[in-house]
All heavy atoms as atom14 arrays in JSON, in Angstrom:
{
  "sequence": "VMANQKAAESAPVDTSANKIPEKPALGPTHLFNVGDVVTLR",
  "atom14_mask": [
    [1, 1, 1, 1, 1, 1, 1, 0, 0, 0, 0, 0, 0, 0],
    [1, 1, 1, 1, 1, 1, 1, 1, 0, 0, 0, 0, 0, 0],
    [1, 1, 1, 1, 1, 0, 0, 0, 0, 0, 0, 0, 0, 0],
    [1, 1, 1, 1, 1, 1, 1, 1, 0, 0, 0, 0, 0, 0],
    [1, 1, 1, 1, 1, 1, 1, 1, 1, 0, 0, 0, 0, 0],
    [1, 1, 1, 1, 1, 1, 1, 1, 1, 0, 0, 0, 0, 0],
    [1, 1, 1, 1, 1, 0, 0, 0, 0, 0, 0, 0, 0, 0],
    [1, 1, 1, 1, 1, 0, 0, 0, 0, 0, 0, 0, 0, 0],
    [1, 1, 1, 1, 1, 1, 1, 1, 1, 0, 0, 0, 0, 0],
    [1, 1, 1, 1, 1, 1, 0, 0, 0, 0, 0, 0, 0, 0],
    [1, 1, 1, 1, 1, 0, 0, 0, 0, 0, 0, 0, 0, 0],
    [1, 1, 1, 1, 1, 1, 1, 0, 0, 0, 0, 0, 0, 0],
    [1, 1, 1, 1, 1, 1, 1, 0, 0, 0, 0, 0, 0, 0],
    [1, 1, 1, 1, 1, 1, 1, 1, 0, 0, 0, 0, 0, 0],
    [1, 1, 1, 1, 1, 1, 1, 0, 0, 0, 0, 0, 0, 0],
    [1, 1, 1, 1, 1, 1, 0, 0, 0, 0, 0, 0, 0, 0],
    [1, 1, 1, 1, 1, 0, 0, 0, 0, 0, 0, 0, 0, 0],
    [1, 1, 1, 1, 1, 1, 1, 1, 0, 0, 0, 0, 0, 0],
    [1, 1, 1, 1, 1, 1, 1, 1, 1, 0, 0, 0, 0, 0],
    [1, 1, 1, 1, 1, 1, 1, 1, 0, 0, 0, 0, 0, 0],
    [1, 1, 1, 1, 1, 1, 1, 0, 0, 0, 0, 0, 0, 0],
    [1, 1, 1, 1, 1, 1, 1, 1, 1, 0, 0, 0, 0, 0],
    [1, 1, 1, 1, 1, 1, 1, 1, 1, 0, 0, 0, 0, 0],
    [1, 1, 1, 1, 1, 1, 1, 0, 0, 0, 0, 0, 0, 0],
    [1, 1, 1, 1, 1, 0, 0, 0, 0, 0, 0, 0, 0, 0],
    [1, 1, 1, 1, 1, 1, 1, 1, 0, 0, 0, 0, 0, 0],
    [1, 1, 1, 1, 0, 0, 0, 0, 0, 0, 0, 0, 0, 0],
    [1, 1, 1, 1, 1, 1, 1, 0, 0, 0, 0, 0, 0, 0],
    [1, 1, 1, 1, 1, 1, 1, 0, 0, 0, 0, 0, 0, 0],
    [1, 1, 1, 1, 1, 1, 1, 1, 1, 1, 0, 0, 0, 0],
    [1, 1, 1, 1, 1, 1, 1, 1, 0, 0, 0, 0, 0, 0],
    [1, 1, 1, 1, 1, 1, 1, 1, 1, 1, 1, 0, 0, 0],
    [1, 1, 1, 1, 1, 1, 1, 1, 0, 0, 0, 0, 0, 0],
    [1, 1, 1, 1, 1, 1, 1, 0, 0, 0, 0, 0, 0, 0],
    [1, 1, 1, 1, 0, 0, 0, 0, 0, 0, 0, 0, 0, 0],
    [1, 1, 1, 1, 1, 1, 1, 1, 0, 0, 0, 0, 0, 0],
    [1, 1, 1, 1, 1, 1, 1, 0, 0, 0, 0, 0, 0, 0],
    [1, 1, 1, 1, 1, 1, 1, 0, 0, 0, 0, 0, 0, 0],
    [1, 1, 1, 1, 1, 1, 1, 0, 0, 0, 0, 0, 0, 0],
    [1, 1, 1, 1, 1, 1, 1, 1, 0, 0, 0, 0, 0, 0],
    [1, 1, 1, 1, 1, 1, 1, 1, 1, 1, 1, 0, 0, 0]
  ],
  "atom14_positions": [
    [[2.8, 11.06, 1.22], [2.02, 12.13, 2.03], [1.49, 11.43, 3.27], [1.52, 11.94, 4.44], [0.87, 12.82, 1.2], [-0.05, 13.6, 2.02], [1.58, 13.68, 0.17], [0.0, 0.0, 0.0], [0.0, 0.0, 0.0], [0.0, 0.0, 0.0], [0.0, 0.0, 0.0], [0.0, 0.0, 0.0], [0.0, 0.0, 0.0], [0.0, 0.0, 0.0]],
    [[0.92, 10.21, 3.08], [0.25, 9.45, 4.22], [1.29, 9.16, 5.16], [1.13, 9.18, 6.39], [-0.53, 8.29, 3.75], [-1.79, 8.56, 2.98], [-2.74, 7.0, 2.62], [-1.73, 6.33, 1.24], [0.0, 0.0, 0.0], [0.0, 0.0, 0.0], [0.0, 0.0, 0.0], [0.0, 0.0, 0.0], [0.0, 0.0, 0.0], [0.0, 0.0, 0.0]],
    [[2.45, 8.67, 4.8], [3.6, 8.34, 5.63], [4.03, 9.67, 6.43], [4.23, 9.49, 7.76], [4.74, 7.76, 4.99], [0.0, 0.0, 0.0], [0.0, 0.0, 0.0], [0.0, 0.0, 0.0], [0.0, 0.0, 0.0], [0.0, 0.0, 0.0], [0.0, 0.0, 0.0], [0.0, 0.0, 0.0], [0.0, 0.0, 0.0], [0.0, 0.0, 0.0]],
    [[4.13, 10.81, 5.8], [4.59, 11.95, 6.42], [3.53, 12.51, 7.45], [3.9, 12.96, 8.53], [4.89, 13.06, 5.44], [6.06, 12.7, 4.58], [6.89, 12.0, 4.97], [6.15, 13.35, 3.31], [0.0, 0.0, 0.0], [0.0, 0.0, 0.0], [0.0, 0.0, 0.0], [0.0, 0.0, 0.0], [0.0, 0.0, 0.0], [0.0, 0.0, 0.0]],
    [[2.28, 12.29, 7.17], [1.22, 12.74, 7.99], [1.23, 11.76, 9.3], [1.07, 12.33, 10.45], [-0.08, 12.64, 7.45], [-0.39, 13.65, 6.34], [-1.66, 13.46, 5.55], [-2.3, 12.4, 5.58], [-2.07, 14.46, 4.8], [0.0, 0.0, 0.0], [0.0, 0.0, 0.0], [0.0, 0.0, 0.0], [0.0, 0.0, 0.0], [0.0, 0.0, 0.0]],
    [[1.42, 10.57, 9.14], [1.53, 9.66, 10.22], [2.71, 10.05, 11.2], [2.69, 10.0, 12.39], [1.63, 8.25, 9.71], [1.41, 7.21, 10.88], [0.0, 7.21, 11.47], [-0.22, 6.15, 12.5], [-1.56, 6.25, 13.07], [0.0, 0.0, 0.0], [0.0, 0.0, 0.0], [0.0, 0.0, 0.0], [0.0, 0.0, 0.0], [0.0, 0.0, 0.0]],
    [[3.86, 10.33, 10.44], [4.99, 10.57, 11.26], [4.84, 11.97, 12.13], [5.21, 12.08, 13.29], [6.24, 10.72, 10.33], [0.0, 0.0, 0.0], [0.0, 0.0, 0.0], [0.0, 0.0, 0.0], [0.0, 0.0, 0.0], [0.0, 0.0, 0.0], [0.0, 0.0, 0.0], [0.0, 0.0, 0.0], [0.0, 0.0, 0.0], [0.0, 0.0, 0.0]],
    [[4.09, 12.87, 11.44], [3.91, 14.23, 12.19], [2.95, 14.1, 13.34], [3.09, 14.75, 14.33], [3.3, 15.17, 11.1], [0.0, 0.0, 0.0], [0.0, 0.0, 0.0], [0.0, 0.0, 0.0], [0.0, 0.0, 0.0], [0.0, 0.0, 0.0], [0.0, 0.0, 0.0], [0.0, 0.0, 0.0], [0.0, 0.0, 0.0], [0.0, 0.0, 0.0]],
    [[1.99, 13.14, 13.19], [1.09, 12.96, 14.31], [1.63, 12.3, 15.39], [1.3, 12.51, 16.6], [-0.19, 12.04, 13.71], [-1.03, 12.79, 12.68], [-2.13, 11.77, 12.1], [-2.12, 10.56, 12.56], [-2.84, 12.23, 11.31], [0.0, 0.0, 0.0], [0.0, 0.0, 0.0], [0.0, 0.0, 0.0], [0.0, 0.0, 0.0], [0.0, 0.0, 0.0]],
    [[2.65, 11.43, 15.28], [3.3, 10.64, 16.31], [4.55, 11.46, 16.88], [5.12, 11.06, 17.85], [3.78, 9.36, 15.86], [4.75, 9.46, 14.75], [0.0, 0.0, 0.0], [0.0, 0.0, 0.0], [0.0, 0.0, 0.0], [0.0, 0.0, 0.0], [0.0, 0.0, 0.0], [0.0, 0.0, 0.0], [0.0, 0.0, 0.0], [0.0, 0.0, 0.0]],
    [[4.81, 12.55, 16.22], [6.1, 13.25, 16.74], [5.84, 14.07, 17.95], [4.68, 14.63, 18.09], [6.71, 14.21, 15.62], [0.0, 0.0, 0.0], [0.0, 0.0, 0.0], [0.0, 0.0, 0.0], [0.0, 0.0, 0.0], [0.0, 0.0, 0.0], [0.0, 0.0, 0.0], [0.0, 0.0, 0.0], [0.0, 0.0, 0.0], [0.0, 0.0, 0.0]],
    [[6.69, 14.14, 19.07], [6.47, 15.05, 20.2], [6.54, 16.43, 19.9], [7.1, 16.94, 18.96], [7.62, 14.59, 21.15], [8.64, 14.18, 20.23], [7.95, 13.53, 19.14], [0.0, 0.0, 0.0], [0.0, 0.0, 0.0], [0.0, 0.0, 0.0], [0.0, 0.0, 0.0], [0.0, 0.0, 0.0], [0.0, 0.0, 0.0], [0.0, 0.0, 0.0]],
    [[5.69, 17.16, 20.69], [5.45, 18.71, 20.37], [6.22, 19.31, 21.46], [5.96, 19.22, 22.66], [4.02, 19.14, 20.36], [3.81, 20.62, 20.19], [3.22, 18.31, 19.27], [0.0, 0.0, 0.0], [0.0, 0.0, 0.0], [0.0, 0.0, 0.0], [0.0, 0.0, 0.0], [0.0, 0.0, 0.0], [0.0, 0.0, 0.0], [0.0, 0.0, 0.0]],
    [[7.18, 20.32, 21.07], [7.95, 21.16, 22.07], [7.15, 22.39, 22.26], [7.0, 23.25, 21.32], [9.23, 21.39, 21.47], [10.17, 22.18, 22.51], [9.71, 22.42, 23.69], [11.32, 22.48, 22.1], [0.0, 0.0, 0.0], [0.0, 0.0, 0.0], [0.0, 0.0, 0.0], [0.0, 0.0, 0.0], [0.0, 0.0, 0.0], [0.0, 0.0, 0.0]],
    [[6.59, 22.65, 23.51], [5.77, 23.83, 23.77], [6.48, 25.03, 24.18], [5.95, 26.12, 24.3], [4.73, 23.47, 24.85], [5.49, 23.05, 26.08], [3.86, 22.32, 24.4], [0.0, 0.0, 0.0], [0.0, 0.0, 0.0], [0.0, 0.0, 0.0], [0.0, 0.0, 0.0], [0.0, 0.0, 0.0], [0.0, 0.0, 0.0], [0.0, 0.0, 0.0]],
    [[7.9, 24.92, 24.44], [8.73, 26.03, 24.77], [10.09, 25.92, 24.12], [10.5, 24.82, 23.74], [8.82, 26.22, 26.26], [9.61, 25.03, 26.68], [0.0, 0.0, 0.0], [0.0, 0.0, 0.0], [0.0, 0.0, 0.0], [0.0, 0.0, 0.0], [0.0, 0.0, 0.0], [0.0, 0.0, 0.0], [0.0, 0.0, 0.0], [0.0, 0.0, 0.0]],
    [[10.72, 26.98, 23.97], [12.04, 27.05, 23.18], [13.04, 26.28, 24.03], [14.01, 25.73, 23.39], [12.46, 28.42, 22.97], [0.0, 0.0, 0.0], [0.0, 0.0, 0.0], [0.0, 0.0, 0.0], [0.0, 0.0, 0.0], [0.0, 0.0, 0.0], [0.0, 0.0, 0.0], [0.0, 0.0, 0.0], [0.0, 0.0, 0.0], [0.0, 0.0, 0.0]],
    [[12.95, 26.3, 25.32], [14.08, 25.86, 26.14], [13.71, 24.41, 26.73], [14.6, 23.8, 27.33], [14.47, 26.67, 27.23], [14.97, 28.04, 26.7], [15.66, 28.11, 25.74], [14.55, 29.08, 27.41], [0.0, 0.0, 0.0], [0.0, 0.0, 0.0], [0.0, 0.0, 0.0], [0.0, 0.0, 0.0], [0.0, 0.0, 0.0], [0.0, 0.0, 0.0]],
    [[12.4, 24.0, 26.57], [12.12, 22.71, 27.14], [12.34, 21.54, 26.27], [12.07, 21.58, 25.08], [10.52, 22.87, 27.47], [9.95, 21.6, 28.09], [8.53, 21.76, 28.37], [7.85, 20.54, 29.09], [6.43, 20.59, 29.34], [0.0, 0.0, 0.0], [0.0, 0.0, 0.0], [0.0, 0.0, 0.0], [0.0, 0.0, 0.0], [0.0, 0.0, 0.0]],
    [[12.97, 20.59, 26.94], [13.28, 19.32, 26.23], [12.0, 18.47, 26.16], [11.29, 18.29, 27.13], [14.36, 18.53, 26.88], [15.67, 19.31, 26.97], [14.61, 17.2, 26.28], [16.77, 18.66, 27.83], [0.0, 0.0, 0.0], [0.0, 0.0, 0.0], [0.0, 0.0, 0.0], [0.0, 0.0, 0.0], [0.0, 0.0, 0.0], [0.0, 0.0, 0.0]],
    [[11.55, 18.12, 24.95], [10.41, 17.29, 24.72], [10.47, 16.01, 25.73], [11.41, 15.35, 25.72], [10.39, 16.89, 23.26], [11.25, 17.97, 22.54], [12.29, 18.23, 23.63], [0.0, 0.0, 0.0], [0.0, 0.0, 0.0], [0.0, 0.0, 0.0], [0.0, 0.0, 0.0], [0.0, 0.0, 0.0], [0.0, 0.0, 0.0], [0.0, 0.0, 0.0]],
    [[9.34, 15.77, 26.3], [9.22, 14.58, 27.02], [9.25, 13.28, 26.13], [8.69, 13.35, 25.06], [7.99, 14.57, 27.92], [7.97, 15.67, 29.02], [6.71, 15.61, 29.74], [5.9, 14.77, 29.51], [6.59, 16.45, 30.79], [0.0, 0.0, 0.0], [0.0, 0.0, 0.0], [0.0, 0.0, 0.0], [0.0, 0.0, 0.0], [0.0, 0.0, 0.0]],
    [[9.75, 12.34, 26.64], [9.79, 11.06, 25.95], [8.39, 10.48, 25.73], [7.66, 10.44, 26.8], [10.71, 9.95, 26.55], [10.81, 8.82, 25.79], [11.79, 7.81, 26.44], [12.09, 6.54, 25.63], [13.05, 5.6, 26.36], [0.0, 0.0, 0.0], [0.0, 0.0, 0.0], [0.0, 0.0, 0.0], [0.0, 0.0, 0.0], [0.0, 0.0, 0.0]],
    [[7.88, 10.26, 24.6], [6.48, 9.84, 24.46], [6.32, 8.45, 25.21], [7.18, 7.62, 25.21], [6.3, 9.59, 22.92], [7.83, 9.47, 22.3], [8.58, 10.35, 23.23], [0.0, 0.0, 0.0], [0.0, 0.0, 0.0], [0.0, 0.0, 0.0], [0.0, 0.0, 0.0], [0.0, 0.0, 0.0], [0.0, 0.0, 0.0], [0.0, 0.0, 0.0]],
    [[4.98, 8.24, 25.57], [4.76, 6.95, 26.31], [4.86, 5.89, 25.25], [4.47, 6.05, 24.18], [3.25, 7.07, 26.87], [0.0, 0.0, 0.0], [0.0, 0.0, 0.0], [0.0, 0.0, 0.0], [0.0, 0.0, 0.0], [0.0, 0.0, 0.0], [0.0, 0.0, 0.0], [0.0, 0.0, 0.0], [0.0, 0.0, 0.0], [0.0, 0.0, 0.0]],
    [[5.21, 4.76, 25.75], [5.37, 3.6, 24.92], [4.04, 2.9, 24.66], [3.25, 2.71, 25.59], [6.41, 2.48, 25.5], [7.81, 2.95, 25.73], [8.64, 2.01, 26.35], [8.41, 3.36, 24.28], [0.0, 0.0, 0.0], [0.0, 0.0, 0.0], [0.0, 0.0, 0.0], [0.0, 0.0, 0.0], [0.0, 0.0, 0.0], [0.0, 0.0, 0.0]],
    [[3.71, 2.75, 23.38], [2.49, 2.11, 23.08], [2.79, 0.77, 22.46], [3.86, 0.22, 22.5], [0.0, 0.0, 0.0], [0.0, 0.0, 0.0], [0.0, 0.0, 0.0], [0.0, 0.0, 0.0], [0.0, 0.0, 0.0], [0.0, 0.0, 0.0], [0.0, 0.0, 0.0], [0.0, 0.0, 0.0], [0.0, 0.0, 0.0], [0.0, 0.0, 0.0]],
    [[1.78, 0.1, 21.89], [1.96, -1.25, 21.24], [2.8, -1.12, 20.09], [2.82, -0.08, 19.29], [0.54, -1.54, 20.74], [-0.47, -0.59, 21.64], [0.43, 0.62, 21.92], [0.0, 0.0, 0.0], [0.0, 0.0, 0.0], [0.0, 0.0, 0.0], [0.0, 0.0, 0.0], [0.0, 0.0, 0.0], [0.0, 0.0, 0.0], [0.0, 0.0, 0.0]],
    [[3.85, -1.97, 20.0], [4.82, -1.93, 18.97], [4.26, -2.59, 17.7], [3.36, -3.52, 17.82], [6.13, -2.6, 19.39], [5.82, -4.0, 19.66], [6.71, -1.88, 20.55], [0.0, 0.0, 0.0], [0.0, 0.0, 0.0], [0.0, 0.0, 0.0], [0.0, 0.0, 0.0], [0.0, 0.0, 0.0], [0.0, 0.0, 0.0], [0.0, 0.0, 0.0]],
    [[4.7, -2.18, 16.53], [4.2, -2.79, 15.26], [5.34, -2.75, 14.28], [6.15, -1.83, 14.38], [3.13, -2.2, 14.82], [3.01, -0.62, 14.73], [3.64, 0.05, 13.66], [2.61, 0.23, 15.6], [3.57, 1.42, 13.99], [2.96, 1.55, 15.14], [0.0, 0.0, 0.0], [0.0, 0.0, 0.0], [0.0, 0.0, 0.0], [0.0, 0.0, 0.0]],
    [[5.34, -3.76, 13.29], [6.43, -3.9, 12.44], [6.37, -2.88, 11.24], [7.22, -2.43, 10.68], [6.36, -5.34, 11.87], [6.73, -6.46, 12.88], [6.6, -7.76, 12.13], [8.07, -6.25, 13.5], [0.0, 0.0, 0.0], [0.0, 0.0, 0.0], [0.0, 0.0, 0.0], [0.0, 0.0, 0.0], [0.0, 0.0, 0.0], [0.0, 0.0, 0.0]],
    [[5.15, -2.56, 10.85], [4.88, -1.72, 9.62], [4.32, -0.46, 9.92], [3.66, -0.26, 11.03], [4.09, -2.44, 8.63], [4.6, -3.94, 8.38], [3.69, -4.97, 8.77], [5.8, -4.21, 7.83], [4.08, -6.35, 8.55], [6.18, -5.5, 7.75], [5.39, -6.51, 8.17], [0.0, 0.0, 0.0], [0.0, 0.0, 0.0], [0.0, 0.0, 0.0]],
    [[4.49, 0.6, 9.17], [3.83, 1.92, 9.24], [3.07, 2.26, 8.1], [3.17, 1.63, 7.02], [5.02, 2.99, 9.52], [5.77, 2.68, 10.74], [5.24, 2.55, 11.89], [7.04, 2.51, 10.65], [0.0, 0.0, 0.0], [0.0, 0.0, 0.0], [0.0, 0.0, 0.0], [0.0, 0.0, 0.0], [0.0, 0.0, 0.0], [0.0, 0.0, 0.0]],
    [[2.32, 3.38, 8.24], [1.43, 3.79, 7.1], [2.37, 4.21, 5.9], [3.4, 4.96, 6.12], [0.77, 4.96, 7.55], [-0.15, 5.63, 6.34], [-0.5, 4.67, 8.6], [0.0, 0.0, 0.0], [0.0, 0.0, 0.0], [0.0, 0.0, 0.0], [0.0, 0.0, 0.0], [0.0, 0.0, 0.0], [0.0, 0.0, 0.0], [0.0, 0.0, 0.0]],
    [[2.06, 3.77, 4.81], [2.97, 4.05, 3.56], [3.81, 2.88, 3.18], [4.33, 2.8, 2.14], [0.0, 0.0, 0.0], [0.0, 0.0, 0.0], [0.0, 0.0, 0.0], [0.0, 0.0, 0.0], [0.0, 0.0, 0.0], [0.0, 0.0, 0.0], [0.0, 0.0, 0.0], [0.0, 0.0, 0.0], [0.0, 0.0, 0.0], [0.0, 0.0, 0.0]],
    [[4.05, 1.92, 4.15], [4.93, 0.74, 3.91], [4.06, -0.01, 2.85], [2.98, -0.18, 2.88], [5.22, -0.04, 5.07], [6.21, 0.78, 5.99], [6.83, 1.77, 5.61], [6.42, 0.29, 7.15], [0.0, 0.0, 0.0], [0.0, 0.0, 0.0], [0.0, 0.0, 0.0], [0.0, 0.0, 0.0], [0.0, 0.0, 0.0], [0.0, 0.0, 0.0]],
    [[4.93, -0.79, 2.11], [4.38, -1.83, 1.12], [4.69, -3.09, 1.64], [5.78, -3.41, 1.95], [4.88, -1.59, -0.22], [4.33, -2.74, -1.25], [4.56, -0.29, -0.81], [0.0, 0.0, 0.0], [0.0, 0.0, 0.0], [0.0, 0.0, 0.0], [0.0, 0.0, 0.0], [0.0, 0.0, 0.0], [0.0, 0.0, 0.0], [0.0, 0.0, 0.0]],
    [[3.68, -3.89, 1.89], [3.85, -5.24, 2.49], [3.36, -6.32, 1.54], [2.7, -6.0, 0.5], [3.1, -5.35, 3.88], [3.75, -4.48, 4.81], [1.66, -5.1, 3.75], [0.0, 0.0, 0.0], [0.0, 0.0, 0.0], [0.0, 0.0, 0.0], [0.0, 0.0, 0.0], [0.0, 0.0, 0.0], [0.0, 0.0, 0.0], [0.0, 0.0, 0.0]],
    [[3.67, -7.55, 1.86], [3.07, -8.67, 1.02], [2.49, -9.7, 1.94], [2.8, -9.72, 3.13], [4.29, -9.21, 0.16], [3.69, -10.37, -0.62], [5.24, -9.95, 1.11], [0.0, 0.0, 0.0], [0.0, 0.0, 0.0], [0.0, 0.0, 0.0], [0.0, 0.0, 0.0], [0.0, 0.0, 0.0], [0.0, 0.0, 0.0], [0.0, 0.0, 0.0]],
    [[1.54, -10.54, 1.38], [1.08, -11.55, 2.14], [1.96, -12.78, 2.33], [2.7, -13.14, 1.38], [-0.31, -12.03, 1.43], [-1.45, -11.12, 1.3], [-2.67, -11.77, 0.53], [-1.87, -10.63, 2.63], [0.0, 0.0, 0.0], [0.0, 0.0, 0.0], [0.0, 0.0, 0.0], [0.0, 0.0, 0.0], [0.0, 0.0, 0.0], [0.0, 0.0, 0.0]],
    [[2.0, -13.36, 3.45], [2.85, -14.4, 3.59], [2.37, -15.66, 2.83], [3.06, -16.52, 2.5], [2.87, -14.87, 5.16], [3.65, -13.8, 6.13], [3.68, -14.32, 7.5], [4.44, -13.39, 8.43], [5.66, -13.46, 8.53], [6.42, -14.21, 7.87], [6.26, -12.61, 9.3], [0.0, 0.0, 0.0], [0.0, 0.0, 0.0], [0.0, 0.0, 0.0]]
  ]
}
């Protein structure tokens, strides 16, 4: 659920039926996302 919520928050919103969503602005890149399981190095 947390992973889906994070994905929904970051997805672009289409405000009209014919309008192509604008490409979201590039932000800081990261290796992991909410819901991923990681380990300590």
